């Protein structure tokens, strides 16, 4: 599961970047997944299960961070487009 998610996040980031819009991107979904990764990392530390799986959690969380950055970039692009359209 972690490996599949790990491969999915870079593909999603690329697609979102190329789209150049935040339309269709759910910040609620990104937040829920982010909280899930943080909870998974916290659970590993609390249980004392610091192993290779923890590295995968951190890599996935970093990839998700890239998705967040692209989401905010695209929101800015959407806002600028709407402002230009309003001026026309």
PDB file of N, CA and C in Angstrom:
ATOM      1  N   UNK A   1       0.827  -1.183   0.000  1.00  0.00           N
ATOM      2  CA  UNK A   1       0.000   0.000   0.000  1.00  0.00           C
ATOM      3  C   UNK A   1       0.873   1.249   0.000  1.00  0.00           C
ATOM      4  N   UNK A   2       1.867   1.290   0.866  1.00  0.00           N
ATOM      5  CA  UNK A   2       2.732   2.463   0.937  1.00  0.00           C
ATOM      6  C   UNK A   2       3.526   2.664  -0.354  1.00  0.00           C
ATOM      7  N   UNK A   3       3.945   1.578  -0.974  1.00  0.00           N
ATOM      8  CA  UNK A   3       4.699   1.685  -2.227  1.00  0.00           C
ATOM      9  C   UNK A   3       3.798   2.179  -3.348  1.00  0.00           C
ATOM     10  N   UNK A   4       2.573   1.672  -3.425  1.00  0.00           N
ATOM     11  CA  UNK A   4       1.630   2.141  -4.454  1.00  0.00           C
ATOM     12  C   UNK A   4       1.307   3.617  -4.272  1.00  0.00           C
ATOM     13  N   UNK A   5       1.055   4.041  -3.051  1.00  0.00           N
ATOM     14  CA  UNK A   5       0.810   5.457  -2.787  1.00  0.00           C
ATOM     15  C   UNK A   5       2.061   6.268  -3.131  1.00  0.00           C
ATOM     16  N   UNK A   6       3.210   5.730  -2.765  1.00  0.00           N
ATOM     17  CA  UNK A   6       4.462   6.421  -3.043  1.00  0.00           C
ATOM     18  C   UNK A   6       4.697   6.647  -4.525  1.00  0.00           C
ATOM     19  N   UNK A   7       4.285   5.721  -5.342  1.00  0.00           N
ATOM     20  CA  UNK A   7       4.413   5.881  -6.794  1.00  0.00           C
ATOM     21  C   UNK A   7       3.332   6.782  -7.361  1.00  0.00           C
ATOM     22  N   UNK A   8       2.192   6.830  -6.704  1.00  0.00           N
ATOM     23  CA  UNK A   8       1.062   7.626  -7.191  1.00  0.00           C
ATOM     24  C   UNK A   8       1.264   9.120  -6.985  1.00  0.00           C
ATOM     25  N   UNK A   9       1.909   9.523  -5.895  1.00  0.00           N
ATOM     26  CA  UNK A   9       2.040  10.950  -5.594  1.00  0.00           C
ATOM     27  C   UNK A   9       2.868  11.709  -6.622  1.00  0.00           C
ATOM     28  N   UNK A  10       4.009  11.183  -7.074  1.00  0.00           N
ATOM     29  CA  UNK A  10       4.745  11.913  -8.113  1.00  0.00           C
ATOM     30  C   UNK A  10       3.954  12.017  -9.424  1.00  0.00           C
ATOM     31  N   UNK A  11       3.230  10.969  -9.773  1.00  0.00           N
ATOM     32  CA  UNK A  11       2.408  11.015 -10.991  1.00  0.00           C
ATOM     33  C   UNK A  11       1.302  12.049 -10.853  1.00  0.00           C
ATOM     34  N   UNK A  12       0.681  12.122  -9.683  1.00  0.00           N
ATOM     35  CA  UNK A  12      -0.364  13.106  -9.435  1.00  0.00           C
ATOM     36  C   UNK A  12       0.201  14.523  -9.468  1.00  0.00           C
ATOM     37  N   UNK A  13       1.388  14.712  -8.897  1.00  0.00           N
ATOM     38  CA  UNK A  13       2.025  16.030  -8.899  1.00  0.00           C
ATOM     39  C   UNK A  13       2.315  16.478 -10.327  1.00  0.00           C
ATOM     40  N   UNK A  14       2.823  15.587 -11.143  1.00  0.00           N
ATOM     41  CA  UNK A  14       3.121  15.922 -12.540  1.00  0.00           C
ATOM     42  C   UNK A  14       1.854  16.317 -13.290  1.00  0.00           C
ATOM     43  N   UNK A  15       0.818  15.530 -13.111  1.00  0.00           N
ATOM     44  CA  UNK A  15      -0.458  15.808 -13.774  1.00  0.00           C
ATOM     45  C   UNK A  15      -1.029  17.154 -13.324  1.00  0.00           C
ATOM     46  N   UNK A  16      -0.976  17.439 -12.038  1.00  0.00           N
ATOM     47  CA  UNK A  16      -1.484  18.706 -11.512  1.00  0.00           C
ATOM     48  C   UNK A  16      -0.664  19.879 -12.014  1.00  0.00           C
ATOM     49  N   UNK A  17       0.650  19.697 -12.070  1.00  0.00           N
ATOM     50  CA  UNK A  17       1.521  20.767 -12.552  1.00  0.00           C
ATOM     51  C   UNK A  17       1.216  21.085 -14.014  1.00  0.00           C
ATOM     52  N   UNK A  18       1.094  20.044 -14.820  1.00  0.00           N
ATOM     53  CA  UNK A  18       0.800  20.226 -16.244  1.00  0.00           C
ATOM     54  C   UNK A  18      -0.582  20.841 -16.454  1.00  0.00           C
ATOM     55  N   UNK A  19      -1.541  20.505 -15.612  1.00  0.00           N
ATOM     56  CA  UNK A  19      -2.901  21.032 -15.747  1.00  0.00           C
ATOM     57  C   UNK A  19      -2.926  22.529 -15.470  1.00  0.00           C
ATOM     58  N   UNK A  20      -2.130  22.988 -14.524  1.00  0.00           N
ATOM     59  CA  UNK A  20      -2.044  24.409 -14.208  1.00  0.00           C
ATOM     60  C   UNK A  20      -3.295  24.979 -13.568  1.00  0.00           C
ATOM     61  N   UNK A  21      -4.112  24.118 -12.995  1.00  0.00           N
ATOM     62  CA  UNK A  21      -5.318  24.571 -12.310  1.00  0.00           C
ATOM     63  C   UNK A  21      -5.559  23.705 -11.081  1.00  0.00           C
ATOM     64  N   UNK A  22      -6.162  24.320 -10.083  1.00  0.00           N
ATOM     65  CA  UNK A  22      -6.508  23.577  -8.870  1.00  0.00           C
ATOM     66  C   UNK A  22      -7.900  22.959  -8.972  1.00  0.00           C
ATOM     67  N   UNK A  23      -8.583  23.243 -10.071  1.00  0.00           N
ATOM     68  CA  UNK A  23      -9.923  22.670 -10.272  1.00  0.00           C
ATOM     69  C   UNK A  23      -9.818  21.145 -10.270  1.00  0.00           C
ATOM     70  N   UNK A  24     -10.663  20.524  -9.511  1.00  0.00           N
ATOM     71  CA  UNK A  24     -10.662  19.066  -9.427  1.00  0.00           C
ATOM     72  C   UNK A  24      -9.735  18.519  -8.354  1.00  0.00           C
ATOM     73  N   UNK A  25      -8.963  19.389  -7.726  1.00  0.00           N
ATOM     74  CA  UNK A  25      -8.077  18.961  -6.639  1.00  0.00           C
ATOM     75  C   UNK A  25      -8.767  19.256  -5.315  1.00  0.00           C
ATOM     76  N   UNK A  26      -8.835  18.248  -4.471  1.00  0.00           N
ATOM     77  CA  UNK A  26      -9.500  18.391  -3.189  1.00  0.00           C
ATOM     78  C   UNK A  26      -8.476  18.623  -2.080  1.00  0.00           C
ATOM     79  N   UNK A  27      -8.489  19.827  -1.503  1.00  0.00           N
ATOM     80  CA  UNK A  27      -7.571  20.089  -0.397  1.00  0.00           C
ATOM     81  C   UNK A  27      -7.962  19.247   0.815  1.00  0.00           C
ATOM     82  N   UNK A  28      -9.246  18.916   0.920  1.00  0.00           N
ATOM     83  CA  UNK A  28      -9.692  18.085   2.041  1.00  0.00           C
ATOM     84  C   UNK A  28      -9.065  16.686   1.947  1.00  0.00           C
ATOM     85  N   UNK A  29      -8.996  16.159   0.729  1.00  0.00           N
ATOM     86  CA  UNK A  29      -8.378  14.852   0.514  1.00  0.00           C
ATOM     87  C   UNK A  29      -6.891  14.917   0.854  1.00  0.00           C
ATOM     88  N   UNK A  30      -6.209  15.952   0.349  1.00  0.00           N
ATOM     89  CA  UNK A  30      -4.787  16.101   0.644  1.00  0.00           C
ATOM     90  C   UNK A  30      -4.555  16.205   2.155  1.00  0.00           C
ATOM     91  N   UNK A  31      -5.415  16.934   2.844  1.00  0.00           N
ATOM     92  CA  UNK A  31      -5.282  17.095   4.295  1.00  0.00           C
ATOM     93  C   UNK A  31      -5.493  15.767   5.015  1.00  0.00           C
ATOM     94  N   UNK A  32      -6.510  15.033   4.614  1.00  0.00           N
ATOM     95  CA  UNK A  32      -6.793  13.746   5.254  1.00  0.00           C
ATOM     96  C   UNK A  32      -5.630  12.769   5.070  1.00  0.00           C
ATOM     97  N   UNK A  33      -5.089  12.708   3.866  1.00  0.00           N
ATOM     98  CA  UNK A  33      -3.954  11.822   3.611  1.00  0.00           C
ATOM     99  C   UNK A  33      -2.736  12.286   4.403  1.00  0.00           C
ATOM    100  N   UNK A  34      -2.503  13.596   4.448  1.00  0.00           N
ATOM    101  CA  UNK A  34      -1.373  14.139   5.225  1.00  0.00           C
ATOM    102  C   UNK A  34      -1.487  13.743   6.687  1.00  0.00           C
ATOM    103  N   UNK A  35      -2.673  13.915   7.243  1.00  0.00           N
ATOM    104  CA  UNK A  35      -2.889  13.532   8.649  1.00  0.00           C
ATOM    105  C   UNK A  35      -2.674  12.033   8.845  1.00  0.00           C
ATOM    106  N   UNK A  36      -3.072  11.246   7.868  1.00  0.00           N
ATOM    107  CA  UNK A  36      -2.862   9.801   7.943  1.00  0.00           C
ATOM    108  C   UNK A  36      -1.388   9.440   7.992  1.00  0.00           C
ATOM    109  N   UNK A  37      -0.588  10.085   7.153  1.00  0.00           N
ATOM    110  CA  UNK A  37       0.852   9.822   7.173  1.00  0.00           C
ATOM    111  C   UNK A  37       1.481  10.272   8.488  1.00  0.00           C
ATOM    112  N   UNK A  38       1.089  11.435   8.975  1.00  0.00           N
ATOM    113  CA  UNK A  38       1.624  11.927  10.246  1.00  0.00           C
ATOM    114  C   UNK A  38       1.237  10.962  11.378  1.00  0.00           C
ATOM    115  N   UNK A  39      -0.003  10.481  11.362  1.00  0.00           N
ATOM    116  CA  UNK A  39      -0.444   9.523  12.383  1.00  0.00           C
ATOM    117  C   UNK A  39       0.339   8.215  12.269  1.00  0.00           C
ATOM    118  N   UNK A  40       0.587   7.766  11.051  1.00  0.00           N
ATOM    119  CA  UNK A  40       1.364   6.537  10.850  1.00  0.00           C
ATOM    120  C   UNK A  40       2.784   6.675  11.367  1.00  0.00           C
ATOM    121  N   UNK A  41       3.393   7.823  11.100  1.00  0.00           N
ATOM    122  CA  UNK A  41       4.754   8.084  11.584  1.00  0.00           C
ATOM    123  C   UNK A  41       4.768   8.137  13.114  1.00  0.00           C
ATOM    124  N   UNK A  42       3.789   8.847  13.686  1.00  0.00           N
ATOM    125  CA  UNK A  42       3.708   8.946  15.148  1.00  0.00           C
ATOM    126  C   UNK A  42       3.506   7.564  15.771  1.00  0.00           C
ATOM    127  N   UNK A  43       2.670   6.746  15.149  1.00  0.00           N
ATOM    128  CA  UNK A  43       2.417   5.398  15.684  1.00  0.00           C
ATOM    129  C   UNK A  43       3.687   4.556  15.672  1.00  0.00           C
ATOM    130  N   UNK A  44       4.484   4.683  14.610  1.00  0.00           N
ATOM    131  CA  UNK A  44       5.744   3.925  14.545  1.00  0.00           C
ATOM    132  C   UNK A  44       6.680   4.331  15.688  1.00  0.00           C
ATOM    133  N   UNK A  45       6.785   5.653  15.910  1.00  0.00           N
ATOM    134  CA  UNK A  45       7.656   6.121  16.994  1.00  0.00           C
ATOM    135  C   UNK A  45       7.119   5.710  18.367  1.00  0.00           C
ATOM    136  N   UNK A  46       5.814   5.845  18.569  1.00  0.00           N
ATOM    137  CA  UNK A  46       5.215   5.487  19.870  1.00  0.00           C
ATOM    138  C   UNK A  46       5.366   4.000  20.173  1.00  0.00           C
ATOM    139  N   UNK A  47       5.264   3.183  19.135  1.00  0.00           N
ATOM    140  CA  UNK A  47       5.376   1.736  19.326  1.00  0.00           C
ATOM    141  C   UNK A  47       6.828   1.273  19.348  1.00  0.00           C
ATOM    142  N   UNK A  48       7.751   2.173  19.054  1.00  0.00           N
ATOM    143  CA  UNK A  48       9.158   1.790  19.020  1.00  0.00           C
ATOM    144  C   UNK A  48       9.508   0.941  17.823  1.00  0.00           C
ATOM    145  N   UNK A  49       8.721   1.038  16.754  1.00  0.00           N
ATOM    146  CA  UNK A  49       8.948   0.242  15.550  1.00  0.00           C
ATOM    147  C   UNK A  49       9.642   1.088  14.481  1.00  0.00           C
ATOM    148  N   UNK A  50      10.810   1.566  14.813  1.00  0.00           N
ATOM    149  CA  UNK A  50      11.568   2.384  13.871  1.00  0.00           C
ATOM    150  C   UNK A  50      12.322   1.437  12.944  1.00  0.00           C
ATOM    151  N   UNK A  51      11.793   1.275  11.721  1.00  0.00           N
ATOM    152  CA  UNK A  51      12.402   0.386  10.739  1.00  0.00           C
ATOM    153  C   UNK A  51      12.304   1.013   9.350  1.00  0.00           C
ATOM    154  N   UNK A  52      12.553   0.234   8.314  1.00  0.00           N
ATOM    155  CA  UNK A  52      12.578   0.736   6.938  1.00  0.00           C
ATOM    156  C   UNK A  52      11.231   1.302   6.501  1.00  0.00           C
ATOM    157  N   UNK A  53      10.144   0.831   7.068  1.00  0.00           N
ATOM    158  CA  UNK A  53       8.816   1.318   6.692  1.00  0.00           C
ATOM    159  C   UNK A  53       8.685   2.803   7.027  1.00  0.00           C
ATOM    160  N   UNK A  54       9.330   3.234   8.083  1.00  0.00           N
ATOM    161  CA  UNK A  54       9.297   4.632   8.474  1.00  0.00           C
ATOM    162  C   UNK A  54       9.895   5.524   7.381  1.00  0.00           C
ATOM    163  N   UNK A  55      10.922   5.035   6.718  1.00  0.00           N
ATOM    164  CA  UNK A  55      11.530   5.781   5.606  1.00  0.00           C
ATOM    165  C   UNK A  55      10.516   5.975   4.487  1.00  0.00           C
ATOM    166  N   UNK A  56       9.739   4.944   4.194  1.00  0.00           N
ATOM    167  CA  UNK A  56       8.723   5.032   3.146  1.00  0.00           C
ATOM    168  C   UNK A  56       7.656   6.058   3.532  1.00  0.00           C
ATOM    169  N   UNK A  57       7.267   6.075   4.792  1.00  0.00           N
ATOM    170  CA  UNK A  57       6.310   7.078   5.264  1.00  0.00           C
ATOM    171  C   UNK A  57       6.839   8.491   5.012  1.00  0.00           C
ATOM    172  N   UNK A  58       8.105   8.722   5.346  1.00  0.00           N
ATOM    173  CA  UNK A  58       8.693  10.056   5.167  1.00  0.00           C
ATOM    174  C   UNK A  58       8.815  10.419   3.685  1.00  0.00           C
ATOM    175  N   UNK A  59       9.183   9.471   2.851  1.00  0.00           N
ATOM    176  CA  UNK A  59       9.268   9.736   1.408  1.00  0.00           C
ATOM    177  C   UNK A  59       7.888  10.091   0.862  1.00  0.00           C
ATOM    178  N   UNK A  60       6.875   9.324   1.248  1.00  0.00           N
ATOM    179  CA  UNK A  60       5.514   9.608   0.793  1.00  0.00           C
ATOM    180  C   UNK A  60       5.031  10.963   1.288  1.00  0.00           C
ATOM    181  N   UNK A  61       5.348  11.297   2.524  1.00  0.00           N
ATOM    182  CA  UNK A  61       4.951  12.591   3.071  1.00  0.00           C
ATOM    183  C   UNK A  61       5.635  13.728   2.317  1.00  0.00           C
ATOM    184  N   UNK A  62       6.893  13.535   1.940  1.00  0.00           N
ATOM    185  CA  UNK A  62       7.608  14.548   1.154  1.00  0.00           C
ATOM    186  C   UNK A  62       6.961  14.712  -0.223  1.00  0.00           C
ATOM    187  N   UNK A  63       6.607  13.609  -0.859  1.00  0.00           N
ATOM    188  CA  UNK A  63       5.925  13.678  -2.160  1.00  0.00           C
ATOM    189  C   UNK A  63       4.576  14.366  -2.018  1.00  0.00           C
ATOM    190  N   UNK A  64       3.902  14.114  -0.946  1.00  0.00           N
ATOM    191  CA  UNK A  64       2.628  14.776  -0.690  1.00  0.00           C
ATOM    192  C   UNK A  64       2.845  16.275  -0.474  1.00  0.00           C
ATOM    193  N   UNK A  65       3.954  16.644   0.149  1.00  0.00           N
ATOM    194  CA  UNK A  65       4.298  18.054   0.310  1.00  0.00           C
ATOM    195  C   UNK A  65       4.463  18.747  -1.032  1.00  0.00           C
ATOM    196  N   UNK A  66       5.035  18.047  -2.000  1.00  0.00           N
ATOM    197  CA  UNK A  66       5.154  18.600  -3.357  1.00  0.00           C
ATOM    198  C   UNK A  66       3.763  18.815  -3.943  1.00  0.00           C
ATOM    199  N   UNK A  67       2.854  17.887  -3.715  1.00  0.00           N
ATOM    200  CA  UNK A  67       1.484  18.034  -4.203  1.00  0.00           C
ATOM    201  C   UNK A  67       0.816  19.253  -3.578  1.00  0.00           C
ATOM    202  N   UNK A  68       1.064  19.483  -2.287  1.00  0.00           N
ATOM    203  CA  UNK A  68       0.527  20.679  -1.622  1.00  0.00           C
ATOM    204  C   UNK A  68       1.070  21.937  -2.274  1.00  0.00           C
ATOM    205  N   UNK A  69       2.379  21.967  -2.535  1.00  0.00           N
ATOM    206  CA  UNK A  69       2.992  23.146  -3.154  1.00  0.00           C
ATOM    207  C   UNK A  69       2.383  23.415  -4.533  1.00  0.00           C
ATOM    208  N   UNK A  70       2.179  22.376  -5.308  1.00  0.00           N
ATOM    209  CA  UNK A  70       1.583  22.541  -6.633  1.00  0.00           C
ATOM    210  C   UNK A  70       0.126  22.982  -6.517  1.00  0.00           C
ATOM    211  N   UNK A  71      -0.584  22.468  -5.535  1.00  0.00           N
ATOM    212  CA  UNK A  71      -1.965  22.888  -5.318  1.00  0.00           C
ATOM    213  C   UNK A  71      -2.036  24.399  -5.072  1.00  0.00           C
ATOM    214  N   UNK A  72      -1.163  24.916  -4.191  1.00  0.00           N
ATOM    215  CA  UNK A  72      -1.186  26.350  -3.902  1.00  0.00           C
ATOM    216  C   UNK A  72      -0.711  27.168  -5.099  1.00  0.00           C
ATOM    217  N   UNK A  73       0.250  26.655  -5.849  1.00  0.00           N
ATOM    218  CA  UNK A  73       0.673  27.317  -7.083  1.00  0.00           C
ATOM    219  C   UNK A  73      -0.496  27.417  -8.054  1.00  0.00           C
ATOM    220  N   UNK A  74      -1.184  26.314  -8.235  1.00  0.00           N
ATOM    221  CA  UNK A  74      -2.310  26.290  -9.174  1.00  0.00           C
ATOM    222  C   UNK A  74      -3.465  27.171  -8.708  1.00  0.00           C
ATOM    223  N   UNK A  75      -3.679  27.237  -7.404  1.00  0.00           N
ATOM    224  CA  UNK A  75      -4.709  28.151  -6.894  1.00  0.00           C
ATOM    225  C   UNK A  75      -4.372  29.590  -7.239  1.00  0.00           C
ATOM    226  N   UNK A  76      -3.100  29.935  -7.121  1.00  0.00           N
ATOM    227  CA  UNK A  76      -2.652  31.273  -7.491  1.00  0.00           C
ATOM    228  C   UNK A  76      -2.847  31.538  -8.979  1.00  0.00           C
ATOM    229  N   UNK A  77      -2.550  30.530  -9.802  1.00  0.00           N
ATOM    230  CA  UNK A  77      -2.763  30.672 -11.244  1.00  0.00           C
ATOM    231  C   UNK A  77      -4.248  30.855 -11.559  1.00  0.00           C
ATOM    232  N   UNK A  78      -5.093  30.097 -10.879  1.00  0.00           N
ATOM    233  CA  UNK A  78      -6.546  30.227 -11.079  1.00  0.00           C
ATOM    234  C   UNK A  78      -7.028  31.619 -10.692  1.00  0.00           C
ATOM    235  N   UNK A  79      -6.522  32.116  -9.563  1.00  0.00           N
ATOM    236  CA  UNK A  79      -6.932  33.450  -9.102  1.00  0.00           C
ATOM    237  C   UNK A  79      -6.500  34.519 -10.109  1.00  0.00           C
ATOM    238  N   UNK A  80      -5.279  34.428 -10.601  1.00  0.00           N
ATOM    239  CA  UNK A  80      -4.784  35.401 -11.578  1.00  0.00           C
ATOM    240  C   UNK A  80      -5.603  35.344 -12.864  1.00  0.00           C
ATOM    241  N   UNK A  81      -5.976  34.146 -13.279  1.00  0.00           N
ATOM    242  CA  UNK A  81      -6.799  33.996 -14.492  1.00  0.00           C
ATOM    243  C   UNK A  81      -8.154  34.635 -14.313  1.00  0.00           C
ATOM    244  N   UNK A  82      -8.761  34.426 -13.150  1.00  0.00           N
ATOM    245  CA  UNK A  82     -10.080  35.015 -12.878  1.00  0.00           C
ATOM    246  C   UNK A  82     -10.006  36.539 -12.794  1.00  0.00           C
ATOM    247  N   UNK A  83      -8.924  37.054 -12.222  1.00  0.00           N
ATOM    248  CA  UNK A  83      -8.753  38.501 -12.134  1.00  0.00           C
ATOM    249  C   UNK A  83      -8.572  39.115 -13.521  1.00  0.00           C
ATOM    250  N   UNK A  84      -7.789  38.445 -14.384  1.00  0.00           N
ATOM    251  CA  UNK A  84      -7.616  38.929 -15.747  1.00  0.00           C
ATOM    252  C   UNK A  84      -8.913  38.893 -16.518  1.00  0.00           C
ATOM    253  N   UNK A  85      -9.705  37.843 -16.299  1.00  0.00           N
ATOM    254  CA  UNK A  85     -10.987  37.724 -16.983  1.00  0.00           C
ATOM    255  C   UNK A  85     -11.955  38.817 -16.513  1.00  0.00           C
ATOM    256  N   UNK A  86     -11.895  39.163 -15.245  1.00  0.00           N
ATOM    257  CA  UNK A  86     -12.770  40.195 -14.705  1.00  0.00           C
ATOM    258  C   UNK A  86     -12.417  41.571 -15.254  1.00  0.00           C
ATOM    259  N   UNK A  87     -11.138  41.781 -15.573  1.00  0.00           N
ATOM    260  CA  UNK A  87     -10.700  43.058 -16.120  1.00  0.00           C
ATOM    261  C   UNK A  87     -11.059  43.213 -17.597  1.00  0.00           C
ATOM    262  N   UNK A  88     -11.312  42.117 -18.243  1.00  0.00           N
ATOM    263  CA  UNK A  88     -11.609  42.156 -19.690  1.00  0.00           C
ATOM    264  C   UNK A  88     -13.005  42.642 -19.963  1.00  0.00           C
TER     265      UNK A  88
END
